[in-house]
Amino acid sequence: MRLGAGALSTVELLTILVGSGSRSCPADQIARRLTAAYPGLRQLAGKGAADLLAVEGVGEATAARMVAALELGRRLQKERR
Protein backbone atom coordinates (compact mmCIF):
# COMPACT_ATOMS: atom_id res chain seq x y z
CA MET A 1 0.00 0.00 0.00
CA ARG A 2 3.06 2.22 0.06
CA LEU A 3 2.27 3.27 -3.52
CA GLY A 4 -1.48 3.45 -2.93
CA ALA A 5 -4.44 1.51 -4.25
CA GLY A 6 -3.98 3.01 -7.72
CA ALA A 7 -0.78 0.98 -8.11
CA LEU A 8 -2.63 -2.33 -7.61
CA SER A 9 -3.98 -4.45 -10.46
CA THR A 10 -7.67 -5.27 -10.75
CA VAL A 11 -6.97 -8.82 -9.54
CA GLU A 12 -5.09 -7.46 -6.51
CA LEU A 13 -7.95 -5.11 -5.63
CA LEU A 14 -10.48 -7.91 -6.01
CA THR A 15 -8.30 -10.14 -3.83
CA ILE A 16 -8.57 -7.56 -1.06
CA LEU A 17 -12.36 -7.52 -1.40
CA VAL A 18 -12.55 -11.31 -1.45
CA GLY A 19 -10.71 -11.42 1.87
CA SER A 20 -9.35 -14.69 3.15
CA GLY A 21 -10.87 -16.95 0.51
CA SER A 22 -12.05 -20.40 1.49
CA ARG A 23 -10.47 -23.63 2.67
CA SER A 24 -10.39 -24.99 -0.86
CA CYS A 25 -9.68 -21.77 -2.73
CA PRO A 26 -7.33 -18.88 -1.84
CA ALA A 27 -8.52 -15.31 -2.31
CA ASP A 28 -6.26 -14.57 -5.28
CA GLN A 29 -7.61 -17.58 -7.15
CA ILE A 30 -11.19 -16.46 -6.53
CA ALA A 31 -10.26 -12.98 -7.81
CA ARG A 32 -8.82 -14.53 -10.97
CA ARG A 33 -12.01 -16.57 -11.44
CA LEU A 34 -14.07 -13.40 -11.15
CA THR A 35 -12.00 -11.63 -13.80
CA ALA A 36 -12.23 -14.69 -16.05
CA ALA A 37 -16.01 -14.85 -15.66
CA TYR A 38 -16.47 -11.09 -16.03
CA PRO A 39 -13.62 -9.54 -18.02
CA GLY A 40 -13.76 -5.82 -17.44
CA LEU A 41 -15.06 -3.92 -14.46
CA ARG A 42 -18.14 -2.76 -16.37
CA GLN A 43 -19.28 -6.38 -16.77
CA LEU A 44 -18.57 -7.16 -13.13
CA ALA A 45 -20.34 -4.00 -11.96
CA GLY A 46 -23.51 -5.09 -13.72
CA LYS A 47 -23.78 -8.32 -11.77
CA GLY A 48 -25.76 -8.94 -8.63
CA ALA A 49 -24.99 -11.18 -5.69
CA ALA A 50 -26.69 -14.20 -7.30
CA ASP A 51 -24.42 -13.91 -10.35
CA LEU A 52 -21.31 -13.61 -8.21
CA LEU A 53 -22.33 -16.62 -6.12
CA ALA A 54 -22.18 -18.70 -9.31
CA VAL A 55 -18.40 -18.19 -9.41
CA GLU A 56 -16.66 -21.04 -7.61
CA GLY A 57 -15.28 -19.92 -4.27
CA VAL A 58 -17.52 -16.87 -3.89
CA GLY A 59 -19.70 -17.09 -0.79
CA GLU A 60 -22.44 -14.84 0.48
CA ALA A 61 -20.12 -12.54 2.45
CA THR A 62 -17.78 -12.07 -0.50
CA ALA A 63 -20.67 -11.43 -2.88
CA ALA A 64 -22.11 -8.86 -0.46
CA ARG A 65 -18.74 -7.06 -0.17
CA MET A 66 -18.35 -6.99 -3.94
CA VAL A 67 -21.86 -5.67 -4.55
CA ALA A 68 -21.38 -3.02 -1.85
CA ALA A 69 -18.01 -1.89 -3.24
CA LEU A 70 -19.40 -1.65 -6.76
CA GLU A 71 -22.40 0.32 -5.49
CA LEU A 72 -20.04 2.78 -3.79
CA GLY A 73 -18.27 3.21 -7.12
CA ARG A 74 -21.60 3.95 -8.84
CA ARG A 75 -22.50 6.50 -6.19
CA LEU A 76 -19.13 8.19 -6.55
CA GLN A 77 -19.71 8.48 -10.29
CA LYS A 78 -23.09 10.13 -9.67
CA GLU A 79 -21.54 12.64 -7.27
CA ARG A 80 -18.93 13.62 -9.85
CA ARG A 81 -21.57 14.54 -12.44
PDB file of N, CA and C in Angstrom:
ATOM      1  N   MET A   1       0.827  -1.197   0.000  1.00  0.00           N
ATOM      2  CA  MET A   1       0.000   0.000   0.000  1.00  0.00           C
ATOM      3  C   MET A   1       0.870   1.259   0.000  1.00  0.00           C
ATOM      4  N   ARG A   2       2.152   1.082   0.058  1.00  0.00           N
ATOM      5  CA  ARG A   2       3.058   2.225   0.061  1.00  0.00           C
ATOM      6  C   ARG A   2       2.813   3.123  -1.153  1.00  0.00           C
ATOM      7  N   LEU A   3       2.506   2.512  -2.294  1.00  0.00           N
ATOM      8  CA  LEU A   3       2.271   3.272  -3.520  1.00  0.00           C
ATOM      9  C   LEU A   3       0.803   3.632  -3.714  1.00  0.00           C
ATOM     10  N   GLY A   4      -0.062   3.142  -2.856  1.00  0.00           N
ATOM     11  CA  GLY A   4      -1.485   3.445  -2.935  1.00  0.00           C
ATOM     12  C   GLY A   4      -2.257   2.419  -3.737  1.00  0.00           C
ATOM     13  N   ALA A   5      -3.551   2.467  -3.588  1.00  0.00           N
ATOM     14  CA  ALA A   5      -4.437   1.511  -4.249  1.00  0.00           C
ATOM     15  C   ALA A   5      -4.364   1.622  -5.767  1.00  0.00           C
ATOM     16  N   GLY A   6      -4.066   2.811  -6.269  1.00  0.00           N
ATOM     17  CA  GLY A   6      -3.976   3.009  -7.719  1.00  0.00           C
ATOM     18  C   GLY A   6      -2.871   2.201  -8.365  1.00  0.00           C
ATOM     19  N   ALA A   7      -1.897   1.767  -7.583  1.00  0.00           N
ATOM     20  CA  ALA A   7      -0.784   0.978  -8.113  1.00  0.00           C
ATOM     21  C   ALA A   7      -1.122  -0.511  -8.201  1.00  0.00           C
ATOM     22  N   LEU A   8      -2.255  -0.920  -7.623  1.00  0.00           N
ATOM     23  CA  LEU A   8      -2.631  -2.330  -7.614  1.00  0.00           C
ATOM     24  C   LEU A   8      -3.390  -2.702  -8.880  1.00  0.00           C
ATOM     25  N   SER A   9      -3.227  -3.941  -9.310  1.00  0.00           N
ATOM     26  CA  SER A   9      -3.977  -4.447 -10.460  1.00  0.00           C
ATOM     27  C   SER A   9      -5.420  -4.719 -10.050  1.00  0.00           C
ATOM     28  N   THR A  10      -6.270  -4.938 -11.034  1.00  0.00           N
ATOM     29  CA  THR A  10      -7.666  -5.271 -10.746  1.00  0.00           C
ATOM     30  C   THR A  10      -7.751  -6.557  -9.934  1.00  0.00           C
ATOM     31  N   VAL A  11      -6.949  -7.557 -10.280  1.00  0.00           N
ATOM     32  CA  VAL A  11      -6.965  -8.817  -9.538  1.00  0.00           C
ATOM     33  C   VAL A  11      -6.536  -8.581  -8.089  1.00  0.00           C
ATOM     34  N   GLU A  12      -5.540  -7.744  -7.871  1.00  0.00           N
ATOM     35  CA  GLU A  12      -5.090  -7.457  -6.510  1.00  0.00           C
ATOM     36  C   GLU A  12      -6.174  -6.742  -5.702  1.00  0.00           C
ATOM     37  N   LEU A  13      -6.860  -5.803  -6.323  1.00  0.00           N
ATOM     38  CA  LEU A  13      -7.951  -5.108  -5.627  1.00  0.00           C
ATOM     39  C   LEU A  13      -9.092  -6.066  -5.306  1.00  0.00           C
ATOM     40  N   LEU A  14      -9.432  -6.929  -6.257  1.00  0.00           N
ATOM     41  CA  LEU A  14     -10.485  -7.913  -6.009  1.00  0.00           C
ATOM     42  C   LEU A  14     -10.070  -8.890  -4.917  1.00  0.00           C
ATOM     43  N   THR A  15      -8.797  -9.250  -4.870  1.00  0.00           N
ATOM     44  CA  THR A  15      -8.296 -10.139  -3.830  1.00  0.00           C
ATOM     45  C   THR A  15      -8.531  -9.532  -2.449  1.00  0.00           C
ATOM     46  N   ILE A  16      -8.321  -8.244  -2.328  1.00  0.00           N
ATOM     47  CA  ILE A  16      -8.568  -7.563  -1.056  1.00  0.00           C
ATOM     48  C   ILE A  16     -10.048  -7.646  -0.692  1.00  0.00           C
ATOM     49  N   LEU A  17     -10.919  -7.435  -1.671  1.00  0.00           N
ATOM     50  CA  LEU A  17     -12.360  -7.522  -1.400  1.00  0.00           C
ATOM     51  C   LEU A  17     -12.793  -8.949  -1.055  1.00  0.00           C
ATOM     52  N   VAL A  18     -12.202  -9.917  -1.714  1.00  0.00           N
ATOM     53  CA  VAL A  18     -12.550 -11.314  -1.446  1.00  0.00           C
ATOM     54  C   VAL A  18     -12.202 -11.664  -0.003  1.00  0.00           C
ATOM     55  N   GLY A  19     -11.102 -11.156   0.480  1.00  0.00           N
ATOM     56  CA  GLY A  19     -10.715 -11.417   1.867  1.00  0.00           C
ATOM     57  C   GLY A  19      -9.842 -12.640   1.985  1.00  0.00           C
ATOM     58  N   SER A  20     -10.212 -13.538   2.861  1.00  0.00           N
ATOM     59  CA  SER A  20      -9.355 -14.689   3.151  1.00  0.00           C
ATOM     60  C   SER A  20      -9.570 -15.866   2.209  1.00  0.00           C
ATOM     61  N   GLY A  21     -10.578 -15.811   1.373  1.00  0.00           N
ATOM     62  CA  GLY A  21     -10.866 -16.948   0.508  1.00  0.00           C
ATOM     63  C   GLY A  21     -11.572 -18.045   1.288  1.00  0.00           C
ATOM     64  N   SER A  22     -11.419 -19.264   0.819  1.00  0.00           N
ATOM     65  CA  SER A  22     -12.051 -20.400   1.486  1.00  0.00           C
ATOM     66  C   SER A  22     -11.006 -21.488   1.721  1.00  0.00           C
ATOM     67  N   ARG A  23     -11.398 -22.525   2.399  1.00  0.00           N
ATOM     68  CA  ARG A  23     -10.472 -23.635   2.666  1.00  0.00           C
ATOM     69  C   ARG A  23      -9.927 -24.223   1.372  1.00  0.00           C
ATOM     70  N   SER A  24     -10.786 -24.334   0.390  1.00  0.00           N
ATOM     71  CA  SER A  24     -10.393 -24.990  -0.859  1.00  0.00           C
ATOM     72  C   SER A  24      -9.884 -24.024  -1.925  1.00  0.00           C
ATOM     73  N   CYS A  25     -10.023 -22.719  -1.677  1.00  0.00           N
ATOM     74  CA  CYS A  25      -9.677 -21.766  -2.730  1.00  0.00           C
ATOM     75  C   CYS A  25      -9.150 -20.463  -2.124  1.00  0.00           C
ATOM     76  N   PRO A  26      -7.875 -20.136  -2.372  1.00  0.00           N
ATOM     77  CA  PRO A  26      -7.331 -18.878  -1.839  1.00  0.00           C
ATOM     78  C   PRO A  26      -7.949 -17.658  -2.514  1.00  0.00           C
ATOM     79  N   ALA A  27      -7.881 -16.535  -1.843  1.00  0.00           N
ATOM     80  CA  ALA A  27      -8.519 -15.307  -2.312  1.00  0.00           C
ATOM     81  C   ALA A  27      -8.044 -14.889  -3.701  1.00  0.00           C
ATOM     82  N   ASP A  28      -6.750 -15.004  -3.974  1.00  0.00           N
ATOM     83  CA  ASP A  28      -6.256 -14.567  -5.285  1.00  0.00           C
ATOM     84  C   ASP A  28      -6.798 -15.436  -6.412  1.00  0.00           C
ATOM     85  N   GLN A  29      -7.029 -16.705  -6.137  1.00  0.00           N
ATOM     86  CA  GLN A  29      -7.611 -17.584  -7.154  1.00  0.00           C
ATOM     87  C   GLN A  29      -9.073 -17.219  -7.408  1.00  0.00           C
ATOM     88  N   ILE A  30      -9.801 -16.892  -6.360  1.00  0.00           N
ATOM     89  CA  ILE A  30     -11.190 -16.458  -6.528  1.00  0.00           C
ATOM     90  C   ILE A  30     -11.228 -15.169  -7.338  1.00  0.00           C
ATOM     91  N   ALA A  31     -10.323 -14.241  -7.055  1.00  0.00           N
ATOM     92  CA  ALA A  31     -10.262 -12.983  -7.813  1.00  0.00           C
ATOM     93  C   ALA A  31      -9.994 -13.255  -9.282  1.00  0.00           C
ATOM     94  N   ARG A  32      -9.095 -14.191  -9.571  1.00  0.00           N
ATOM     95  CA  ARG A  32      -8.820 -14.535 -10.972  1.00  0.00           C
ATOM     96  C   ARG A  32     -10.045 -15.167 -11.639  1.00  0.00           C
ATOM     97  N   ARG A  33     -10.782 -15.969 -10.894  1.00  0.00           N
ATOM     98  CA  ARG A  33     -12.006 -16.568 -11.442  1.00  0.00           C
ATOM     99  C   ARG A  33     -13.043 -15.500 -11.753  1.00  0.00           C
ATOM    100  N   LEU A  34     -13.134 -14.501 -10.891  1.00  0.00           N
ATOM    101  CA  LEU A  34     -14.071 -13.401 -11.146  1.00  0.00           C
ATOM    102  C   LEU A  34     -13.697 -12.646 -12.415  1.00  0.00           C
ATOM    103  N   THR A  35     -12.413 -12.370 -12.598  1.00  0.00           N
ATOM    104  CA  THR A  35     -12.005 -11.629 -13.804  1.00  0.00           C
ATOM    105  C   THR A  35     -12.125 -12.493 -15.051  1.00  0.00           C
ATOM    106  N   ALA A  36     -12.022 -13.808 -14.906  1.00  0.00           N
ATOM    107  CA  ALA A  36     -12.230 -14.694 -16.055  1.00  0.00           C
ATOM    108  C   ALA A  36     -13.709 -14.749 -16.430  1.00  0.00           C
ATOM    109  N   ALA A  37     -14.570 -14.793 -15.413  1.00  0.00           N
ATOM    110  CA  ALA A  37     -16.013 -14.853 -15.665  1.00  0.00           C
ATOM    111  C   ALA A  37     -16.555 -13.529 -16.180  1.00  0.00           C
ATOM    112  N   TYR A  38     -15.991 -12.428 -15.678  1.00  0.00           N
ATOM    113  CA  TYR A  38     -16.475 -11.091 -16.033  1.00  0.00           C
ATOM    114  C   TYR A  38     -15.287 -10.204 -16.408  1.00  0.00           C
ATOM    115  N   PRO A  39     -14.765 -10.364 -17.628  1.00  0.00           N
ATOM    116  CA  PRO A  39     -13.625  -9.540 -18.021  1.00  0.00           C
ATOM    117  C   PRO A  39     -14.052  -8.077 -18.147  1.00  0.00           C
ATOM    118  N   GLY A  40     -13.400  -7.235 -17.431  1.00  0.00           N
ATOM    119  CA  GLY A  40     -13.757  -5.820 -17.442  1.00  0.00           C
ATOM    120  C   GLY A  40     -14.633  -5.464 -16.264  1.00  0.00           C
ATOM    121  N   LEU A  41     -14.319  -4.358 -15.632  1.00  0.00           N
ATOM    122  CA  LEU A  41     -15.065  -3.922 -14.460  1.00  0.00           C
ATOM    123  C   LEU A  41     -16.515  -3.578 -14.787  1.00  0.00           C
ATOM    124  N   ARG A  42     -16.761  -3.099 -15.987  1.00  0.00           N
ATOM    125  CA  ARG A  42     -18.142  -2.758 -16.367  1.00  0.00           C
ATOM    126  C   ARG A  42     -19.029  -4.000 -16.330  1.00  0.00           C
ATOM    127  N   GLN A  43     -18.505  -5.128 -16.813  1.00  0.00           N
ATOM    128  CA  GLN A  43     -19.277  -6.378 -16.765  1.00  0.00           C
ATOM    129  C   GLN A  43     -19.508  -6.807 -15.326  1.00  0.00           C
ATOM    130  N   LEU A  44     -18.460  -6.763 -14.520  1.00  0.00           N
ATOM    131  CA  LEU A  44     -18.571  -7.156 -13.125  1.00  0.00           C
ATOM    132  C   LEU A  44     -19.546  -6.251 -12.376  1.00  0.00           C
ATOM    133  N   ALA A  45     -19.487  -4.966 -12.660  1.00  0.00           N
ATOM    134  CA  ALA A  45     -20.343  -4.001 -11.963  1.00  0.00           C
ATOM    135  C   ALA A  45     -21.820  -4.226 -12.248  1.00  0.00           C
ATOM    136  N   GLY A  46     -22.125  -4.849 -13.364  1.00  0.00           N
ATOM    137  CA  GLY A  46     -23.511  -5.093 -13.725  1.00  0.00           C
ATOM    138  C   GLY A  46     -24.105  -6.345 -13.100  1.00  0.00           C
ATOM    139  N   LYS A  47     -23.316  -7.052 -12.335  1.00  0.00           N
ATOM    140  CA  LYS A  47     -23.779  -8.318 -11.768  1.00  0.00           C
ATOM    141  C   LYS A  47     -24.270  -8.142 -10.336  1.00  0.00           C
ATOM    142  N   GLY A  48     -25.242  -8.938  -9.985  1.00  0.00           N
ATOM    143  CA  GLY A  48     -25.764  -8.938  -8.625  1.00  0.00           C
ATOM    144  C   GLY A  48     -25.148 -10.074  -7.822  1.00  0.00           C
ATOM    145  N   ALA A  49     -25.541 -10.163  -6.583  1.00  0.00           N
ATOM    146  CA  ALA A  49     -24.994 -11.182  -5.691  1.00  0.00           C
ATOM    147  C   ALA A  49     -25.231 -12.592  -6.227  1.00  0.00           C
ATOM    148  N   ALA A  50     -26.392 -12.848  -6.778  1.00  0.00           N
ATOM    149  CA  ALA A  50     -26.691 -14.195  -7.297  1.00  0.00           C
ATOM    150  C   ALA A  50     -25.720 -14.585  -8.400  1.00  0.00           C
ATOM    151  N   ASP A  51     -25.384 -13.633  -9.275  1.00  0.00           N
ATOM    152  CA  ASP A  51     -24.424 -13.905 -10.346  1.00  0.00           C
ATOM    153  C   ASP A  51     -23.046 -14.214  -9.774  1.00  0.00           C
ATOM    154  N   LEU A  52     -22.634 -13.427  -8.799  1.00  0.00           N
ATOM    155  CA  LEU A  52     -21.306 -13.613  -8.209  1.00  0.00           C
ATOM    156  C   LEU A  52     -21.213 -14.934  -7.461  1.00  0.00           C
ATOM    157  N   LEU A  53     -22.305 -15.341  -6.840  1.00  0.00           N
ATOM    158  CA  LEU A  53     -22.326 -16.618  -6.119  1.00  0.00           C
ATOM    159  C   LEU A  53     -22.121 -17.806  -7.051  1.00  0.00           C
ATOM    160  N   ALA A  54     -22.375 -17.628  -8.333  1.00  0.00           N
ATOM    161  CA  ALA A  54     -22.183 -18.701  -9.307  1.00  0.00           C
ATOM    162  C   ALA A  54     -20.700 -18.961  -9.589  1.00  0.00           C
ATOM    163  N   VAL A  55     -19.838 -18.022  -9.215  1.00  0.00           N
ATOM    164  CA  VAL A  55     -18.399 -18.191  -9.414  1.00  0.00           C
ATOM    165  C   VAL A  55     -17.867 -19.051  -8.275  1.00  0.00           C
ATOM    166  N   GLU A  56     -17.177 -20.114  -8.623  1.00  0.00           N
ATOM    167  CA  GLU A  56     -16.657 -21.044  -7.614  1.00  0.00           C
ATOM    168  C   GLU A  56     -15.768 -20.323  -6.605  1.00  0.00           C
ATOM    169  N   GLY A  57     -16.065 -20.523  -5.336  1.00  0.00           N
ATOM    170  CA  GLY A  57     -15.283 -19.916  -4.272  1.00  0.00           C
ATOM    171  C   GLY A  57     -15.912 -18.666  -3.680  1.00  0.00           C
ATOM    172  N   VAL A  58     -16.864 -18.081  -4.391  1.00  0.00           N
ATOM    173  CA  VAL A  58     -17.522 -16.868  -3.892  1.00  0.00           C
ATOM    174  C   VAL A  58     -18.678 -17.271  -2.991  1.00  0.00           C
ATOM    175  N   GLY A  59     -18.618 -16.834  -1.739  1.00  0.00           N
ATOM    176  CA  GLY A  59     -19.695 -17.094  -0.793  1.00  0.00           C
ATOM    177  C   GLY A  59     -20.543 -15.849  -0.606  1.00  0.00           C
ATOM    178  N   GLU A  60     -21.508 -15.950   0.275  1.00  0.00           N
ATOM    179  CA  GLU A  60     -22.442 -14.842   0.481  1.00  0.00           C
ATOM    180  C   GLU A  60     -21.746 -13.576   0.983  1.00  0.00           C
ATOM    181  N   ALA A  61     -20.808 -13.724   1.917  1.00  0.00           N
ATOM    182  CA  ALA A  61     -20.119 -12.543   2.451  1.00  0.00           C
ATOM    183  C   ALA A  61     -19.278 -11.858   1.375  1.00  0.00           C
ATOM    184  N   THR A  62     -18.591 -12.649   0.579  1.00  0.00           N
ATOM    185  CA  THR A  62     -17.776 -12.073  -0.505  1.00  0.00           C
ATOM    186  C   THR A  62     -18.660 -11.388  -1.524  1.00  0.00           C
ATOM    187  N   ALA A  63     -19.745 -12.030  -1.911  1.00  0.00           N
ATOM    188  CA  ALA A  63     -20.666 -11.429  -2.882  1.00  0.00           C
ATOM    189  C   ALA A  63     -21.222 -10.115  -2.345  1.00  0.00           C
ATOM    190  N   ALA A  64     -21.574 -10.088  -1.066  1.00  0.00           N
ATOM    191  CA  ALA A  64     -22.107  -8.860  -0.460  1.00  0.00           C
ATOM    192  C   ALA A  64     -21.059  -7.745  -0.464  1.00  0.00           C
ATOM    193  N   ARG A  65     -19.800  -8.074  -0.137  1.00  0.00           N
ATOM    194  CA  ARG A  65     -18.739  -7.058  -0.172  1.00  0.00           C
ATOM    195  C   ARG A  65     -18.528  -6.519  -1.577  1.00  0.00           C
ATOM    196  N   MET A  66     -18.559  -7.408  -2.550  1.00  0.00           N
ATOM    197  CA  MET A  66     -18.347  -6.990  -3.942  1.00  0.00           C
ATOM    198  C   MET A  66     -19.480  -6.074  -4.410  1.00  0.00           C
ATOM    199  N   VAL A  67     -20.703  -6.479  -4.145  1.00  0.00           N
ATOM    200  CA  VAL A  67     -21.858  -5.672  -4.554  1.00  0.00           C
ATOM    201  C   VAL A  67     -21.812  -4.310  -3.871  1.00  0.00           C
ATOM    202  N   ALA A  68     -21.454  -4.285  -2.592  1.00  0.00           N
ATOM    203  CA  ALA A  68     -21.381  -3.021  -1.847  1.00  0.00           C
ATOM    204  C   ALA A  68     -20.285  -2.123  -2.414  1.00  0.00           C
ATOM    205  N   ALA A  69     -19.121  -2.685  -2.702  1.00  0.00           N
ATOM    206  CA  ALA A  69     -18.015  -1.887  -3.245  1.00  0.00           C
ATOM    207  C   ALA A  69     -18.370  -1.317  -4.612  1.00  0.00           C
ATOM    208  N   LEU A  70     -19.014  -2.124  -5.438  1.00  0.00           N
ATOM    209  CA  LEU A  70     -19.404  -1.647  -6.765  1.00  0.00           C
ATOM    210  C   LEU A  70     -20.482  -0.567  -6.672  1.00  0.00           C
ATOM    211  N   GLU A  71     -21.373  -0.704  -5.708  1.00  0.00           N
ATOM    212  CA  GLU A  71     -22.396   0.325  -5.495  1.00  0.00           C
ATOM    213  C   GLU A  71     -21.757   1.630  -5.047  1.00  0.00           C
ATOM    214  N   LEU A  72     -20.754   1.558  -4.188  1.00  0.00           N
ATOM    215  CA  LEU A  72     -20.042   2.777  -3.786  1.00  0.00           C
ATOM    216  C   LEU A  72     -19.401   3.449  -4.997  1.00  0.00           C
ATOM    217  N   GLY A  73     -18.846   2.658  -5.895  1.00  0.00           N
ATOM    218  CA  GLY A  73     -18.275   3.212  -7.121  1.00  0.00           C
ATOM    219  C   GLY A  73     -19.323   3.910  -7.975  1.00  0.00           C
ATOM    220  N   ARG A  74     -20.510   3.306  -8.088  1.00  0.00           N
ATOM    221  CA  ARG A  74     -21.604   3.945  -8.843  1.00  0.00           C
ATOM    222  C   ARG A  74     -22.013   5.264  -8.209  1.00  0.00           C
ATOM    223  N   ARG A  75     -22.107   5.280  -6.890  1.00  0.00           N
ATOM    224  CA  ARG A  75     -22.497   6.502  -6.193  1.00  0.00           C
ATOM    225  C   ARG A  75     -21.448   7.593  -6.350  1.00  0.00           C
ATOM    226  N   LEU A  76     -20.207   7.215  -6.339  1.00  0.00           N
ATOM    227  CA  LEU A  76     -19.131   8.193  -6.551  1.00  0.00           C
ATOM    228  C   LEU A  76     -19.250   8.806  -7.944  1.00  0.00           C
ATOM    229  N   GLN A  77     -19.526   7.975  -8.937  1.00  0.00           N
ATOM    230  CA  GLN A  77     -19.710   8.482 -10.295  1.00  0.00           C
ATOM    231  C   GLN A  77     -20.850   9.494 -10.372  1.00  0.00           C
ATOM    232  N   LYS A  78     -21.949   9.219  -9.678  1.00  0.00           N
ATOM    233  CA  LYS A  78     -23.087  10.130  -9.674  1.00  0.00           C
ATOM    234  C   LYS A  78     -22.736  11.461  -9.023  1.00  0.00           C
ATOM    235  N   GLU A  79     -21.951  11.419  -7.942  1.00  0.00           N
ATOM    236  CA  GLU A  79     -21.542  12.637  -7.268  1.00  0.00           C
ATOM    237  C   GLU A  79     -20.656  13.502  -8.148  1.00  0.00           C
ATOM    238  N   ARG A  80     -19.875  12.891  -8.987  1.00  0.00           N
ATOM    239  CA  ARG A  80     -18.934  13.621  -9.848  1.00  0.00           C
ATOM    240  C   ARG A  80     -19.633  14.319 -11.005  1.00  0.00           C
ATOM    241  N   ARG A  81     -20.851  13.936 -11.291  1.00  0.00           N
ATOM    242  CA  ARG A  81     -21.567  14.544 -12.440  1.00  0.00           C
ATOM    243  C   ARG A  81     -22.136  15.871 -12.100  1.00  0.00           C
TER     244      ARG A  81
END
